[in-house]
Amino acid sequence: MGKFRQLESFVSVATLGSLSAAARAEGVAPAMMARRMNALEARLGIKLMVRSTRRLSLTAEGMLLFNEAQRILRELADAENRVAQGSEQPSGHLRISAPAGFGRRHVAPLLPQFLSNHPKVTVTLDLTDRLVDLIEERYDCAIRIGDLDDSSIIGVRLADNRRVVVAAPSYLALHGAPRTPDDLARHNCLTFGGSNQSKGWLFRQADGQVKPMRVKGNMSCSDGSVLHDWTLQGYGLAWRSLWEVREDLAHGRLVSVLDDHAAPANGIFAMLAERKHLPLRVRALVDLLRATYAQESYWATH
């Protein structure tokens, strides 16, 4: 019996939760499926599953093998697809996660043309400000904005993310404009909850160092679009990415302050679980995003 057949059967059993369900899916007798699992455990010399008459569960070693087997079989399928096509063409299903606001503006509009260029690819785009687990949740790519702190995940920098402090003219007319970061203590600051803003807003100090500053305000929200609306309505100051407020600044709906104290840009990243043997569909997506965001004209018009 081939090793790959054993792995395929093991993944099927673990996914479907029983030997009989996996046997039906593969069109074999349950006894045959049981022999395959016994042979796999005997070959590896470890217990992979704990079986009872009612349920099946994976041991710690079984869960480790399940995750690795899924990756191996996925890479094998990608390789077979490329060979069968006779040329390297992206194919398969692409699962993407992106922050809600950024994804709506700068990822979703690019996907129809991407699929037109690669007709053998299908896409699911999940818009969420939650930091997804690429490996556990089986995403091919996640777009993240900010500083990276997970060394187990590979980040491809797509663009710089410049941040500015903004307010509506109506707010500044009532409360004045802060001239230094210390002046923020006398202002109502609207914060983006559940993010790295909990550490404070970053500013360049007089000595050139960049430090976070704790700010206070009477409203906080985990939805960037709500925070944007509050700022436009004149309820306070907000620290936002330039891509979110560029159009408002151009039309005078918002005004930026403390520009001389702005911290260096952080990054917009494509996060990947691994770089080696990257499926062509993922590579094609990352190449498209990087090429699009590299154009200065893109950010001036979007």
Protein backbone atom coordinates (compact mmCIF):
# COMPACT_ATOMS: atom_id res chain seq x y z
CA MET A 1 0.00 0.00 0.00
CA GLY A 2 1.41 3.40 -0.97
CA LYS A 3 2.32 5.94 1.69
CA PHE A 4 0.26 8.62 0.00
CA ARG A 5 -2.81 6.35 -0.06
CA GLN A 6 -2.39 5.82 3.68
CA LEU A 7 -2.12 9.57 4.24
CA GLU A 8 -5.17 10.25 2.07
CA SER A 9 -7.20 7.71 4.00
CA PHE A 10 -5.95 9.05 7.33
CA VAL A 11 -6.94 12.63 6.41
CA SER A 12 -10.34 11.39 5.26
CA VAL A 13 -10.94 9.51 8.53
CA ALA A 14 -9.80 12.47 10.65
CA THR A 15 -11.90 14.93 8.67
CA LEU A 16 -15.09 12.85 8.54
CA GLY A 17 -14.74 11.56 12.10
CA SER A 18 -15.20 7.84 11.56
CA LEU A 19 -13.82 4.85 9.66
CA SER A 20 -17.20 4.03 8.16
CA ALA A 21 -17.78 7.55 6.81
CA ALA A 22 -14.31 7.61 5.27
CA ALA A 23 -14.86 4.14 3.80
CA ARG A 24 -18.10 5.27 2.15
CA ALA A 25 -16.38 8.37 0.76
CA GLU A 26 -13.64 6.26 -0.82
CA GLY A 27 -15.93 3.42 -1.89
CA VAL A 28 -14.24 0.68 0.14
CA ALA A 29 -15.32 -1.57 2.99
CA PRO A 30 -14.89 -0.26 6.57
CA ALA A 31 -12.62 -3.24 7.27
CA MET A 32 -10.29 -2.10 4.48
CA MET A 33 -10.15 1.41 5.96
CA ALA A 34 -9.37 -0.05 9.38
CA ARG A 35 -6.49 -2.12 7.90
CA ARG A 36 -5.06 1.02 6.30
CA MET A 37 -5.09 2.89 9.61
CA ASN A 38 -3.56 -0.08 11.43
CA ALA A 39 -0.83 -0.30 8.80
CA LEU A 40 -0.08 3.42 9.08
CA GLU A 41 0.20 3.26 12.87
CA ALA A 42 2.36 0.14 12.64
CA ARG A 43 4.69 1.80 10.10
CA LEU A 44 5.10 4.92 12.24
CA GLY A 45 5.17 3.05 15.54
CA ILE A 46 2.77 5.48 17.25
CA LYS A 47 -0.89 5.67 18.16
CA LEU A 48 -2.69 8.17 15.93
CA MET A 49 -6.33 7.61 16.85
CA VAL A 50 -8.36 6.57 19.84
CA ARG A 51 -11.35 4.63 18.55
CA SER A 52 -14.55 3.62 20.32
CA THR A 53 -17.91 2.38 19.14
CA ARG A 54 -19.30 5.91 19.18
CA ARG A 55 -16.51 8.32 18.30
CA LEU A 56 -12.97 8.69 17.03
CA SER A 57 -10.45 11.25 18.28
CA LEU A 58 -6.88 12.06 17.35
CA THR A 59 -3.95 11.78 19.72
CA ALA A 60 -1.48 14.67 19.93
CA GLU A 61 0.73 12.83 17.42
CA GLY A 62 -2.30 12.19 15.22
CA MET A 63 -3.18 15.90 15.16
CA LEU A 64 0.39 16.77 14.20
CA LEU A 65 0.33 14.23 11.36
CA PHE A 66 -3.12 15.45 10.27
CA ASN A 67 -1.87 19.02 9.81
CA GLU A 68 1.29 17.92 7.99
CA ALA A 69 -0.58 15.41 5.82
CA GLN A 70 -3.03 18.07 4.68
CA ARG A 71 -0.14 20.29 3.60
CA ILE A 72 1.66 17.44 1.81
CA LEU A 73 -1.43 16.32 -0.07
CA ARG A 74 -2.28 19.90 -1.02
CA GLU A 75 1.22 20.42 -2.46
CA LEU A 76 0.98 17.10 -4.31
CA ALA A 77 -2.36 18.12 -5.82
CA ASP A 78 -0.90 21.47 -6.92
CA ALA A 79 2.06 19.74 -8.56
CA GLU A 80 -0.16 17.23 -10.34
CA ASN A 81 -2.42 20.03 -11.59
CA ARG A 82 0.54 21.91 -13.06
CA VAL A 83 1.88 18.81 -14.79
CA ALA A 84 -1.55 17.81 -16.10
CA GLN A 85 -2.07 21.26 -17.58
CA GLY A 86 1.17 20.96 -19.54
CA SER A 87 2.20 24.44 -18.41
CA GLU A 88 2.34 26.39 -15.20
CA GLN A 89 -1.05 28.02 -14.77
CA PRO A 90 -2.54 29.05 -11.44
CA SER A 91 -5.46 26.87 -10.42
CA GLY A 92 -7.44 25.81 -7.40
CA HIS A 93 -9.28 27.63 -4.63
CA LEU A 94 -7.74 30.68 -2.96
CA ARG A 95 -8.78 31.66 0.57
CA ILE A 96 -7.90 35.24 1.53
CA SER A 97 -8.42 37.21 4.72
CA ALA A 98 -8.18 41.01 4.83
CA PRO A 99 -9.13 43.82 7.24
CA ALA A 100 -12.70 44.89 6.49
CA GLY A 101 -12.07 48.49 5.43
CA PHE A 102 -8.86 47.84 3.52
CA GLY A 103 -10.26 44.69 1.92
CA ARG A 104 -13.35 46.47 0.62
CA ARG A 105 -11.31 49.26 -0.96
CA HIS A 106 -8.06 47.66 -2.02
CA VAL A 107 -8.47 43.88 -2.33
CA ALA A 108 -12.03 43.13 -3.46
CA PRO A 109 -11.94 45.48 -6.51
CA LEU A 110 -8.84 43.69 -7.85
CA LEU A 111 -10.24 40.16 -7.69
CA PRO A 112 -12.60 40.13 -10.71
CA GLN A 113 -9.76 40.99 -13.09
CA PHE A 114 -7.48 38.55 -11.27
CA LEU A 115 -9.99 35.75 -11.89
CA SER A 116 -10.41 36.85 -15.50
CA ASN A 117 -6.64 36.49 -15.96
CA HIS A 118 -6.63 33.13 -14.14
CA PRO A 119 -9.90 31.36 -15.03
CA LYS A 120 -8.93 28.13 -13.25
CA VAL A 121 -8.79 29.90 -9.88
CA THR A 122 -11.72 30.49 -7.53
CA VAL A 123 -11.62 32.87 -4.55
CA THR A 124 -13.15 33.30 -1.12
CA LEU A 125 -12.45 36.69 0.48
CA ASP A 126 -13.08 36.93 4.21
CA LEU A 127 -13.26 40.54 5.42
CA THR A 128 -12.56 40.70 9.15
CA ASP A 129 -10.46 42.81 11.49
CA ARG A 130 -9.75 39.67 13.53
CA LEU A 131 -6.23 38.27 13.21
CA VAL A 132 -6.91 34.87 11.68
CA ASP A 133 -4.70 31.83 12.15
CA LEU A 134 -3.50 30.98 8.65
CA ILE A 135 -2.54 27.42 9.46
CA GLU A 136 -5.40 26.37 11.73
CA GLU A 137 -8.06 28.12 9.62
CA ARG A 138 -6.47 27.10 6.31
CA TYR A 139 -6.09 30.52 4.70
CA ASP A 140 -3.70 30.84 1.78
CA CYS A 141 -3.00 34.52 2.42
CA ALA A 142 -3.94 37.15 4.99
CA ILE A 143 -3.49 40.88 4.50
CA ARG A 144 -2.33 42.62 7.65
CA ILE A 145 -1.52 46.23 8.43
CA GLY A 146 0.99 47.19 11.10
CA ASP A 147 4.14 45.85 12.67
CA LEU A 148 4.75 42.11 12.58
CA ASP A 149 5.36 40.17 15.75
CA ASP A 150 4.78 36.54 14.71
CA SER A 151 8.07 35.00 13.63
CA SER A 152 6.34 31.77 12.57
CA ILE A 153 4.48 33.54 9.77
CA ILE A 154 6.10 34.93 6.62
CA GLY A 155 5.24 38.49 5.69
CA VAL A 156 5.73 39.95 2.21
CA ARG A 157 5.71 43.75 2.40
CA LEU A 158 3.29 45.11 -0.20
CA ALA A 159 3.34 48.83 0.58
CA ASP A 160 4.04 51.43 3.26
CA ASN A 161 1.23 52.46 5.56
CA ARG A 162 1.53 56.09 6.60
CA ARG A 163 -0.63 57.21 9.54
CA VAL A 164 -1.96 60.67 10.33
CA VAL A 165 -3.93 62.34 13.12
CA VAL A 166 -7.08 63.89 11.65
CA ALA A 167 -10.09 65.86 12.77
CA ALA A 168 -13.06 67.58 11.16
CA PRO A 169 -12.80 71.39 10.70
CA SER A 170 -15.81 71.74 13.03
CA TYR A 171 -13.95 70.01 15.87
CA LEU A 172 -10.83 72.13 15.39
CA ALA A 173 -12.91 75.31 15.29
CA LEU A 174 -14.28 74.49 18.75
CA HIS A 175 -11.22 72.99 20.41
CA GLY A 176 -8.22 74.24 18.46
CA ALA A 177 -5.48 72.14 16.88
CA PRO A 178 -2.87 70.34 18.98
CA ARG A 179 0.65 71.60 18.26
CA THR A 180 2.58 68.87 20.07
CA PRO A 181 1.67 65.29 21.04
CA ASP A 182 1.45 66.42 24.68
CA ASP A 183 -1.48 68.66 23.70
CA LEU A 184 -3.57 65.53 23.02
CA ALA A 185 -4.16 65.25 26.77
CA ARG A 186 -6.61 68.16 26.38
CA HIS A 187 -8.46 66.65 23.40
CA ASN A 188 -11.08 63.98 22.85
CA CYS A 189 -9.28 61.15 21.02
CA LEU A 190 -11.35 58.51 19.23
CA THR A 191 -9.57 55.17 19.36
CA PHE A 192 -9.72 51.97 17.34
CA GLY A 193 -10.47 49.29 19.93
CA GLY A 194 -9.06 45.78 19.81
CA SER A 195 -5.89 46.74 17.93
CA ASN A 196 -2.33 47.84 18.53
CA GLN A 197 -3.68 51.32 19.27
CA SER A 198 -4.13 49.99 22.79
CA LYS A 199 -0.40 50.66 23.17
CA GLY A 200 -0.95 54.29 22.25
CA TRP A 201 -0.52 56.52 19.21
CA LEU A 202 3.04 56.63 17.86
CA PHE A 203 4.88 59.92 17.45
CA ARG A 204 8.42 60.98 16.67
CA GLN A 205 9.88 62.73 19.69
CA ALA A 206 12.21 65.73 19.70
CA ASP A 207 15.21 63.38 20.09
CA GLY A 208 14.14 61.42 17.00
CA GLN A 209 12.90 58.38 18.88
CA VAL A 210 9.45 56.99 18.20
CA LYS A 211 7.34 56.38 21.28
CA PRO A 212 3.71 55.52 21.94
CA MET A 213 1.50 58.09 23.67
CA ARG A 214 -1.55 57.07 25.64
CA VAL A 215 -4.61 59.06 24.63
CA LYS A 216 -8.07 59.38 26.14
CA GLY A 217 -11.52 59.90 24.72
CA ASN A 218 -15.16 59.12 25.30
CA MET A 219 -15.63 56.79 22.31
CA SER A 220 -13.81 53.75 20.98
CA CYS A 221 -14.84 51.30 18.26
CA SER A 222 -13.46 48.14 16.66
CA ASP A 223 -15.03 49.07 13.30
CA GLY A 224 -12.91 51.50 11.32
CA SER A 225 -15.84 52.80 9.25
CA VAL A 226 -17.72 53.83 12.41
CA LEU A 227 -14.63 55.57 13.75
CA HIS A 228 -14.28 57.34 10.41
CA ASP A 229 -17.88 58.58 10.56
CA TRP A 230 -17.45 59.84 14.13
CA THR A 231 -14.38 61.80 13.05
CA LEU A 232 -16.18 63.33 10.07
CA GLN A 233 -19.01 64.39 12.38
CA GLY A 234 -16.59 66.34 14.55
CA TYR A 235 -16.62 64.21 17.71
CA GLY A 236 -12.84 64.10 18.14
CA LEU A 237 -9.38 63.37 16.79
CA ALA A 238 -8.48 60.00 15.26
CA TRP A 239 -5.21 58.34 14.23
CA ARG A 240 -5.88 56.76 10.86
CA SER A 241 -4.07 55.28 7.88
CA LEU A 242 -3.63 57.72 5.02
CA TRP A 243 -5.41 55.38 2.57
CA GLU A 244 -8.57 55.72 4.70
CA VAL A 245 -8.67 59.52 4.83
CA ARG A 246 -6.79 60.72 1.73
CA GLU A 247 -9.95 61.70 -0.14
CA ASP A 248 -11.40 63.48 2.91
CA LEU A 249 -8.19 65.46 3.30
CA ALA A 250 -8.20 66.41 -0.37
CA HIS A 251 -11.79 67.72 -0.15
CA GLY A 252 -11.36 69.47 3.19
CA ARG A 253 -13.71 67.21 5.12
CA LEU A 254 -10.82 66.34 7.45
CA VAL A 255 -7.62 68.16 8.40
CA SER A 256 -4.38 66.48 9.48
CA VAL A 257 -2.52 67.73 12.54
CA LEU A 258 0.83 66.95 14.18
CA ASP A 259 2.33 66.05 10.79
CA ASP A 260 5.78 67.18 11.96
CA HIS A 261 5.63 64.53 14.68
CA ALA A 262 4.37 61.66 12.50
CA ALA A 263 5.99 58.28 13.10
CA PRO A 264 7.60 56.42 10.19
CA ALA A 265 5.21 54.34 8.13
CA ASN A 266 4.58 50.77 9.14
CA GLY A 267 3.68 48.17 6.52
CA ILE A 268 0.91 46.50 4.58
CA PHE A 269 1.80 42.81 4.39
CA ALA A 270 0.69 39.64 2.68
CA MET A 271 1.02 36.98 5.36
CA LEU A 272 1.84 33.42 4.24
CA ALA A 273 2.13 30.26 6.28
CA GLU A 274 5.23 29.29 4.30
CA ARG A 275 7.24 30.56 1.36
CA LYS A 276 8.63 27.25 0.06
CA HIS A 277 6.49 25.50 -2.56
CA LEU A 278 4.06 28.40 -2.65
CA PRO A 279 1.07 27.48 -4.88
CA LEU A 280 0.98 29.42 -8.13
CA ARG A 281 -2.42 30.91 -7.32
CA VAL A 282 -1.00 32.46 -4.13
CA ARG A 283 2.13 33.66 -5.87
CA ALA A 284 0.05 35.26 -8.63
CA LEU A 285 -2.11 37.07 -6.07
CA VAL A 286 0.86 38.42 -4.13
CA ASP A 287 2.52 39.56 -7.37
CA LEU A 288 -0.66 41.40 -8.38
CA LEU A 289 -1.04 43.16 -5.02
CA ARG A 290 2.62 44.15 -4.89
CA ALA A 291 2.62 45.50 -8.47
CA THR A 292 -0.64 47.40 -7.94
CA TYR A 293 0.32 48.98 -4.64
CA ALA A 294 3.77 49.95 -5.94
CA GLN A 295 2.17 52.49 -8.28
CA GLU A 296 2.00 55.97 -6.74
CA SER A 297 -0.88 56.78 -9.06
CA TYR A 298 -2.91 53.96 -7.50
CA TRP A 299 -2.90 55.52 -4.02
CA ALA A 300 -3.62 58.97 -5.44
CA THR A 301 -6.88 57.75 -7.00
CA HIS A 302 -8.11 55.07 -4.55
